[in-house]
C-alpha cells in the first residue's frame, strides 16, 4: 500500500514565512506501520523552497514524520521498540520485511538512552559487584548495580582488575561519594576498590560466603572418596547434593543416607556440622555477638583436621571486617542475584546475537523489564 503525501502549505523551514518560491522537488519514500499484514509506504513530495524574506533555500522539512536520513517513520520505529520487549530481532525483521541490521539500529538507538551518564554516576553511594557467566568456555561479565535504584551502572567483559579499573577511575574523577560496596571475596575486585576508594566499607555477601563454604565441603567429599576403600566409597558416592542441602529440605530417605555416611566417615560428619553451624552467624542482630560467634567458629574450623575448612577459616579471619560489616549496614547482593536471573532469561531471548555489545546494551535497561512465562 502506497500513500502519496504532500504538505498543504509552502512554508520556509528557517523562518516559517509563507513568502516562498518553489525551485524544484523530489520524492522521498518512507516505510511506515503495516496495515493488515501488508507493507505500507509513504511517498513524500518534498519541494525545494526559496524564501523571499530570509533568502534561505532548502527542502521542506519532514521531521514530524521521520528522522533525517532515515527510510522509516517514527511510528514504525516506536512499534519495533515495543515488539523488541517480547520478540527477537530476527522475528521482527521477518515480520516487518526489513533487514536485521536496520531493526537493530532502531533498537540500539533506543537502548543507548539507558547507559548511565556522568550525572547518574555522581549520585552513586551504595553499589554491588558480581560476575555472571555468558557464552561458552567460562566467559564472564562483571556487573555493578546501584543498590538504591536497582539499575546496572557498569558492564564489562571478564572478571579481573581491568574489568573494574576504568569504571572506578571514572567514579573517582567524578567524585562519586561511594560509601558501601557489596561483593564476593574475589581479590582482583578488592584490589581495585582499595586503589580508588580505600575509605569505603566493603561488605562480603552471605550468598558468596556460603558458596565458598560449600565448595570446601565438596572438596572434602572428593578427597574422602578417593582416599577410602571401595566399600566406604560406595557410601560417599552420589551424596554431594544431600550434603549441600539444608536439613529442613531433606526427606526421610535422604536423612537415612546421611546418617549412614556420618557413621562411617567422621570428617564428613564434622564438616557438615561446621557448615550448618555457620548459618547461625546471620541470625545475630548485634555486631558484637556476631564477632564472638565468628571467632569461635573459625577457632573450631582451624582446630579440625580438615584442610579445606582450615583454609576457609583463614580467609574469613583475613576478611573478618568485610564479613561483619553486614551487621553495620545490612546490605547484600540479593538484588544483583535477582538481576542475574533476568540476564539468564535475556541470554535465551538473545540466542544467536551477533555482537556481545548488543547484550550489554540490553543489560543496561534490564531493571525496567519483567519476565514471565506465557500460559
Protein backbone atom coordinates (compact mmCIF):
# COMPACT_ATOMS: atom_id res chain seq x y z
CA UNK A 1 0.00 0.00 0.00
CA UNK A 2 1.40 3.36 -1.09
CA UNK A 3 0.29 6.79 0.15
CA UNK A 4 1.27 9.95 -1.74
CA UNK A 5 1.68 12.82 0.70
CA UNK A 6 2.30 16.49 0.08
CA UNK A 7 2.30 19.38 2.55
CA UNK A 8 -0.65 21.72 2.04
CA UNK A 9 1.16 24.99 2.67
CA UNK A 10 4.50 26.10 1.31
CA UNK A 11 6.49 27.36 4.30
CA UNK A 12 10.12 28.35 4.82
CA UNK A 13 11.85 25.81 7.04
CA UNK A 14 14.08 28.53 8.52
CA UNK A 15 11.79 31.49 9.35
CA UNK A 16 8.37 29.86 8.66
CA UNK A 17 7.43 32.59 6.20
CA UNK A 18 4.81 31.81 3.53
CA UNK A 19 6.54 34.12 1.02
CA UNK A 20 8.41 31.39 -0.82
CA UNK A 21 9.11 30.35 -4.41
CA UNK A 22 9.37 26.69 -5.41
CA UNK A 23 12.72 25.76 -7.00
CA UNK A 24 12.16 22.07 -7.79
CA UNK A 25 11.08 18.96 -5.88
CA UNK A 26 11.93 15.34 -5.21
CA UNK A 27 10.13 12.27 -3.86
CA UNK A 28 11.26 10.67 -0.57
CA UNK A 29 9.95 7.18 0.19
CA UNK A 30 9.43 6.10 3.81
CA UNK A 31 8.28 2.82 5.27
CA UNK A 32 5.63 3.03 7.98
CA UNK A 33 3.45 0.78 10.16
CA UNK A 34 1.92 -2.12 8.16
CA UNK A 35 -1.85 -2.40 7.79
CA UNK A 36 -3.42 -5.86 7.92
CA UNK A 37 -0.05 -7.51 7.41
CA UNK A 38 0.59 -5.54 4.22
CA UNK A 39 3.66 -3.26 3.99
CA UNK A 40 2.83 0.43 3.78
CA UNK A 41 4.96 3.04 2.01
CA UNK A 42 4.69 6.82 2.09
CA UNK A 43 5.89 8.81 -0.92
CA UNK A 44 6.64 12.33 0.30
CA UNK A 45 6.61 15.14 -2.26
CA UNK A 46 9.34 17.41 -0.89
CA UNK A 47 9.67 20.81 -2.56
CA UNK A 48 12.78 22.96 -2.65
CA UNK A 49 11.70 26.41 -1.48
CA UNK A 50 13.45 29.77 -1.63
CA UNK A 51 12.31 32.28 0.99
CA UNK A 52 11.71 35.85 -0.13
CA UNK A 53 12.33 37.18 3.39
CA UNK A 54 15.49 35.41 4.58
CA UNK A 55 16.60 34.11 1.15
CA UNK A 56 17.01 30.63 2.63
CA UNK A 57 16.97 27.83 0.03
CA UNK A 58 16.23 24.31 1.34
CA UNK A 59 13.99 21.29 1.03
CA UNK A 60 10.80 21.10 3.06
CA UNK A 61 11.26 19.54 6.48
CA UNK A 62 9.60 16.23 7.37
CA UNK A 63 10.91 15.95 10.95
CA UNK A 64 7.38 15.44 12.27
CA UNK A 65 7.19 12.15 10.34
CA UNK A 66 10.73 10.72 10.36
CA UNK A 67 14.28 11.47 11.46
CA UNK A 68 16.71 12.89 8.87
CA UNK A 69 18.34 10.37 6.53
CA UNK A 70 16.07 7.54 7.72
CA UNK A 71 13.88 5.49 5.38
CA UNK A 72 11.29 4.62 8.05
CA UNK A 73 8.84 6.71 10.07
CA UNK A 74 8.96 7.37 13.80
CA UNK A 75 5.71 5.44 14.26
CA UNK A 76 7.33 2.34 12.76
CA UNK A 77 10.40 2.78 14.97
CA UNK A 78 8.16 3.03 18.05
CA UNK A 79 6.36 -0.18 17.05
CA UNK A 80 9.65 -2.03 16.56
CA UNK A 81 10.88 -0.92 20.01
CA UNK A 82 7.64 -2.18 21.58
CA UNK A 83 7.94 -5.54 19.81
CA UNK A 84 11.56 -5.89 20.93
CA UNK A 85 10.36 -6.43 24.52
CA UNK A 86 8.81 -9.78 23.59
CA UNK A 87 10.31 -10.79 20.22
CA UNK A 88 13.78 -11.48 18.86
CA UNK A 89 15.40 -9.14 16.38
CA UNK A 90 15.15 -11.74 13.62
CA UNK A 91 11.44 -12.28 14.26
CA UNK A 92 10.80 -8.54 13.99
CA UNK A 93 12.84 -8.33 10.79
CA UNK A 94 10.81 -11.15 9.23
CA UNK A 95 7.51 -9.61 10.36
CA UNK A 96 8.34 -6.13 9.07
CA UNK A 97 10.18 -7.40 5.97
CA UNK A 98 13.18 -5.28 6.89
CA UNK A 99 16.90 -6.01 7.19
CA UNK A 100 18.22 -7.35 10.52
CA UNK A 101 20.75 -4.50 10.82
CA UNK A 102 18.06 -1.86 10.35
CA UNK A 103 15.97 -3.40 13.13
CA UNK A 104 18.93 -3.48 15.46
CA UNK A 105 19.89 0.13 14.67
CA UNK A 106 16.42 1.21 15.78
CA UNK A 107 16.56 -0.87 18.97
CA UNK A 108 20.12 0.11 19.88
CA UNK A 109 19.33 3.80 19.33
CA UNK A 110 16.61 3.43 21.94
CA UNK A 111 18.72 1.37 24.37
CA UNK A 112 21.65 3.81 24.41
CA UNK A 113 19.44 6.16 26.44
CA UNK A 114 19.79 3.80 29.41
CA UNK A 115 23.60 3.89 29.55
CA UNK A 116 24.37 5.76 32.82
CA UNK A 117 25.57 9.30 32.27
CA UNK A 118 28.11 11.22 34.36
CA UNK A 119 25.19 12.83 36.18
CA UNK A 120 23.89 9.39 37.22
CA UNK A 121 27.31 8.15 38.34
CA UNK A 122 27.89 11.20 40.58
CA UNK A 123 24.93 10.06 42.74
CA UNK A 124 26.25 6.57 43.47
CA UNK A 125 26.68 5.79 47.19
CA UNK A 126 25.89 2.09 47.68
CA UNK A 127 26.87 -0.33 44.91
CA UNK A 128 27.23 -4.09 44.46
CA UNK A 129 29.70 -6.05 42.32
CA UNK A 130 29.20 -9.54 40.91
CA UNK A 131 30.06 -11.64 37.88
CA UNK A 132 27.91 -13.83 35.66
CA UNK A 133 28.89 -16.38 33.03
CA UNK A 134 27.82 -15.97 29.43
CA UNK A 135 28.50 -17.97 26.30
CA UNK A 136 30.92 -20.89 26.30
CA UNK A 137 34.45 -21.54 27.57
CA UNK A 138 33.91 -19.95 31.01
CA UNK A 139 33.46 -16.40 29.79
CA UNK A 140 32.28 -13.92 32.40
CA UNK A 141 30.76 -10.47 32.66
CA UNK A 142 31.40 -8.12 35.57
CA UNK A 143 28.29 -6.24 36.70
CA UNK A 144 27.95 -3.24 39.01
CA UNK A 145 24.50 -2.37 40.38
CA UNK A 146 23.18 0.67 42.21
CA UNK A 147 21.53 -0.61 45.40
CA UNK A 148 19.23 2.42 45.56
CA UNK A 149 17.64 2.19 42.09
CA UNK A 150 18.41 -1.43 41.20
CA UNK A 151 19.99 -0.22 37.96
CA UNK A 152 23.05 -1.74 36.29
CA UNK A 153 25.62 1.05 36.03
CA UNK A 154 28.55 -0.88 34.56
CA UNK A 155 29.04 -3.97 32.39
CA UNK A 156 32.45 -5.29 31.33
CA UNK A 157 33.95 -8.47 29.94
CA UNK A 158 35.96 -10.83 32.18
CA UNK A 159 36.17 -10.79 35.98
CA UNK A 160 39.60 -9.30 36.63
CA UNK A 161 41.06 -5.94 37.66
CA UNK A 162 40.80 -4.49 34.14
CA UNK A 163 37.02 -5.03 34.12
CA UNK A 164 36.64 -2.54 37.01
CA UNK A 165 39.71 -0.29 36.80
CA UNK A 166 38.44 2.24 34.23
CA UNK A 167 35.00 2.40 35.82
CA UNK A 168 36.34 3.14 39.31
CA UNK A 169 38.83 5.60 37.87
CA UNK A 170 35.91 7.45 36.28
CA UNK A 171 33.94 7.34 39.54
CA UNK A 172 36.87 8.84 41.39
CA UNK A 173 37.23 11.57 38.76
CA UNK A 174 33.51 12.37 39.05
CA UNK A 175 33.86 12.44 42.86
CA UNK A 176 31.11 9.87 43.39
CA UNK A 177 30.51 9.55 47.17
CA UNK A 178 30.86 5.76 47.38
CA UNK A 179 30.26 4.59 50.95
CA UNK A 180 29.40 0.86 50.80
CA UNK A 181 30.37 -1.79 48.24
CA UNK A 182 28.99 -5.34 48.42
CA UNK A 183 30.60 -8.26 46.65
CA UNK A 184 32.29 -11.61 46.97
CA UNK A 185 35.76 -12.49 48.28
CA UNK A 186 37.42 -12.06 44.87
CA UNK A 187 40.83 -10.40 45.35
CA UNK A 188 41.10 -8.58 41.96
CA UNK A 189 37.90 -6.65 42.77
CA UNK A 190 39.13 -5.79 46.25
CA UNK A 191 42.44 -4.56 44.84
CA UNK A 192 40.70 -2.05 42.55
CA UNK A 193 38.37 -0.91 45.34
CA UNK A 194 41.25 -0.24 47.72
CA UNK A 195 43.14 1.62 44.99
CA UNK A 196 40.43 4.23 44.34
CA UNK A 197 38.22 4.07 47.46
CA UNK A 198 40.34 2.95 50.42
CA UNK A 199 37.97 4.66 52.86
CA UNK A 200 34.75 2.90 51.74
CA UNK A 201 33.22 -0.07 53.58
CA UNK A 202 33.27 -3.45 51.84
CA UNK A 203 30.51 -5.95 52.71
CA UNK A 204 31.03 -9.57 51.72
CA UNK A 205 27.77 -11.11 50.63
CA UNK A 206 26.29 -14.03 52.59
CA UNK A 207 25.48 -15.93 49.37
CA UNK A 208 29.11 -15.98 48.24
CA UNK A 209 30.45 -16.87 51.70
CA UNK A 210 28.13 -19.89 51.86
CA UNK A 211 29.05 -20.81 48.28
CA UNK A 212 32.76 -20.85 49.23
CA UNK A 213 31.93 -22.93 52.30
CA UNK A 214 30.01 -25.44 50.17
CA UNK A 215 32.98 -25.71 47.83
CA UNK A 216 35.18 -26.54 50.83
CA UNK A 217 32.75 -29.27 51.91
CA UNK A 218 32.60 -30.66 48.37
CA UNK A 219 36.40 -30.68 48.19
CA UNK A 220 36.46 -32.69 51.41
CA UNK A 221 33.91 -35.12 49.95
CA UNK A 222 36.04 -35.74 46.85
CA UNK A 223 39.18 -36.22 48.94
CA UNK A 224 37.47 -38.73 51.21
CA UNK A 225 36.06 -40.63 48.24
CA UNK A 226 39.50 -41.11 46.64
CA UNK A 227 41.33 -41.99 49.88
CA UNK A 228 38.98 -44.67 51.24
CA UNK A 229 38.32 -48.25 50.20
CA UNK A 230 35.60 -49.28 47.77
CA UNK A 231 33.13 -50.19 50.50
CA UNK A 232 33.26 -46.73 52.09
CA UNK A 233 33.47 -45.07 48.68
CA UNK A 234 30.10 -46.52 47.70
CA UNK A 235 28.51 -44.77 50.67
CA UNK A 236 30.14 -41.43 49.73
CA UNK A 237 29.33 -41.67 46.02
CA UNK A 238 26.23 -39.75 44.90
CA UNK A 239 25.89 -37.91 48.20
CA UNK A 240 27.08 -34.47 47.04
CA UNK A 241 23.76 -32.61 46.79
CA UNK A 242 22.49 -34.13 50.04
CA UNK A 243 25.50 -32.63 51.85
CA UNK A 244 24.88 -29.19 50.36
CA UNK A 245 21.14 -29.10 51.11
CA UNK A 246 19.73 -27.63 54.29
CA UNK A 247 18.40 -30.25 56.78
CA UNK A 248 14.81 -28.95 56.57
CA UNK A 249 14.77 -29.66 52.82
CA UNK A 250 15.77 -33.34 53.18
CA UNK A 251 13.24 -36.13 53.11
CA UNK A 252 13.40 -39.19 55.35
CA UNK A 253 15.31 -41.31 52.83
CA UNK A 254 17.94 -38.59 52.38
CA UNK A 255 18.42 -38.29 56.13
CA UNK A 256 18.97 -42.04 56.39
CA UNK A 257 21.68 -41.85 53.70
CA UNK A 258 23.44 -39.02 55.55
CA UNK A 259 23.23 -40.89 58.87
CA UNK A 260 24.85 -43.92 57.25
CA UNK A 261 27.56 -41.70 55.74
CA UNK A 262 28.35 -39.97 59.05
CA UNK A 263 28.56 -43.32 60.81
CA UNK A 264 31.44 -44.46 58.56
CA UNK A 265 33.15 -41.08 57.97
CA UNK A 266 33.75 -38.73 60.91
CA UNK A 267 35.42 -35.98 58.82
CA UNK A 268 32.38 -35.51 56.62
CA UNK A 269 30.17 -35.53 59.73
CA UNK A 270 32.28 -32.78 61.30
CA UNK A 271 32.40 -30.81 58.05
CA UNK A 272 28.62 -30.97 57.73
CA UNK A 273 28.18 -29.78 61.32
CA UNK A 274 30.55 -26.85 60.74
CA UNK A 275 28.68 -25.90 57.59
CA UNK A 276 25.30 -25.87 59.34
CA UNK A 277 26.73 -24.03 62.32
CA UNK A 278 27.97 -21.10 60.20
CA UNK A 279 24.40 -20.34 59.08
CA UNK A 280 23.74 -19.13 62.63
CA UNK A 281 26.07 -16.16 62.04
CA UNK A 282 23.42 -14.17 60.12
CA UNK A 283 20.79 -14.78 62.80
CA UNK A 284 22.51 -12.38 65.20
CA UNK A 285 21.36 -8.77 65.38
CA UNK A 286 24.35 -7.41 67.28
CA UNK A 287 27.76 -6.96 65.67
CA UNK A 288 29.48 -7.85 68.97
CA UNK A 289 27.59 -11.16 69.27
CA UNK A 290 28.33 -11.95 65.62
CA UNK A 291 32.04 -11.21 66.18
CA UNK A 292 32.17 -13.57 69.16
CA UNK A 293 30.44 -16.34 67.21
CA UNK A 294 32.64 -15.89 64.12
CA UNK A 295 35.83 -16.06 66.20
CA UNK A 296 34.56 -19.23 67.89
CA UNK A 297 33.62 -20.86 64.58
CA UNK A 298 36.97 -20.02 62.97
CA UNK A 299 38.79 -21.44 66.00
CA UNK A 300 36.82 -24.71 65.70
CA UNK A 301 37.45 -24.95 61.95
CA UNK A 302 41.17 -24.19 62.36
CA UNK A 303 41.46 -26.79 65.14
CA UNK A 304 39.89 -29.51 62.99
CA UNK A 305 41.95 -31.82 60.82
CA UNK A 306 40.05 -30.77 57.70
CA UNK A 307 42.37 -28.87 55.34
CA UNK A 308 39.67 -27.15 53.17
CA UNK A 309 37.88 -25.84 56.26
CA UNK A 310 41.10 -24.60 57.82
CA UNK A 311 41.88 -22.73 54.62
CA UNK A 312 38.35 -21.27 54.53
CA UNK A 313 38.61 -20.21 58.20
CA UNK A 314 41.85 -18.36 57.47
CA UNK A 315 40.14 -16.43 54.65
CA UNK A 316 37.28 -15.48 57.00
CA UNK A 317 39.74 -14.22 59.62
CA UNK A 318 41.65 -12.27 57.00
CA UNK A 319 38.43 -10.62 55.75
CA UNK A 320 36.60 -10.51 59.09
CA UNK A 321 35.83 -6.78 58.91
CA UNK A 322 34.15 -7.13 55.50
CA UNK A 323 32.10 -10.11 56.72
CA UNK A 324 30.95 -8.30 59.88
CA UNK A 325 30.13 -5.08 58.00
CA UNK A 326 26.85 -6.79 57.12
CA UNK A 327 25.66 -6.17 60.69
CA UNK A 328 26.50 -2.46 60.39
CA UNK A 329 24.95 -1.70 57.00
CA UNK A 330 22.62 -4.68 56.36
CA UNK A 331 23.47 -4.84 52.63
CA UNK A 332 23.58 -7.98 50.49
CA UNK A 333 23.87 -8.77 46.80
CA UNK A 334 20.34 -10.21 46.72
CA UNK A 335 19.16 -7.51 44.30
CA UNK A 336 22.06 -8.30 41.95
CA UNK A 337 21.38 -12.04 42.15
CA UNK A 338 17.81 -11.34 41.04
CA UNK A 339 19.12 -9.28 38.13
CA UNK A 340 21.42 -12.17 37.21
CA UNK A 341 18.35 -14.39 36.82
CA UNK A 342 16.83 -11.82 34.47
CA UNK A 343 20.07 -11.73 32.46
CA UNK A 344 19.98 -15.53 32.09
CA UNK A 345 16.47 -15.21 30.69
CA UNK A 346 17.68 -12.40 28.43
CA UNK A 347 20.50 -14.61 27.13
CA UNK A 348 17.93 -17.16 25.95
CA UNK A 349 15.93 -14.39 24.33
CA UNK A 350 19.05 -13.11 22.53
CA UNK A 351 20.27 -16.55 21.42
CA UNK A 352 22.34 -16.18 18.26
CA UNK A 353 23.12 -12.49 18.84
CA UNK A 354 25.92 -11.47 16.51
CA UNK A 355 27.70 -8.98 18.74
CA UNK A 356 28.21 -9.18 22.56
CA UNK A 357 27.86 -5.38 22.73
CA UNK A 358 24.18 -5.83 21.85
CA UNK A 359 23.77 -7.88 25.02
CA UNK A 360 25.48 -5.17 27.07
CA UNK A 361 23.02 -2.54 25.80
CA UNK A 362 20.06 -4.70 26.80
CA UNK A 363 21.54 -5.30 30.26
CA UNK A 364 21.61 -1.56 30.99
CA UNK A 365 17.82 -1.43 30.64
CA UNK A 366 17.05 -4.75 32.31
CA UNK A 367 15.87 -3.11 35.55
CA UNK A 368 12.76 -1.97 33.65
CA UNK A 369 11.88 -5.44 32.34
CA UNK A 370 9.68 -8.08 33.91
CA UNK A 371 9.94 -11.61 32.58
CA UNK A 372 7.03 -14.02 32.98
CA UNK A 373 6.18 -17.39 31.49
CA UNK A 374 3.45 -17.36 28.86
CA UNK A 375 0.50 -19.62 29.67
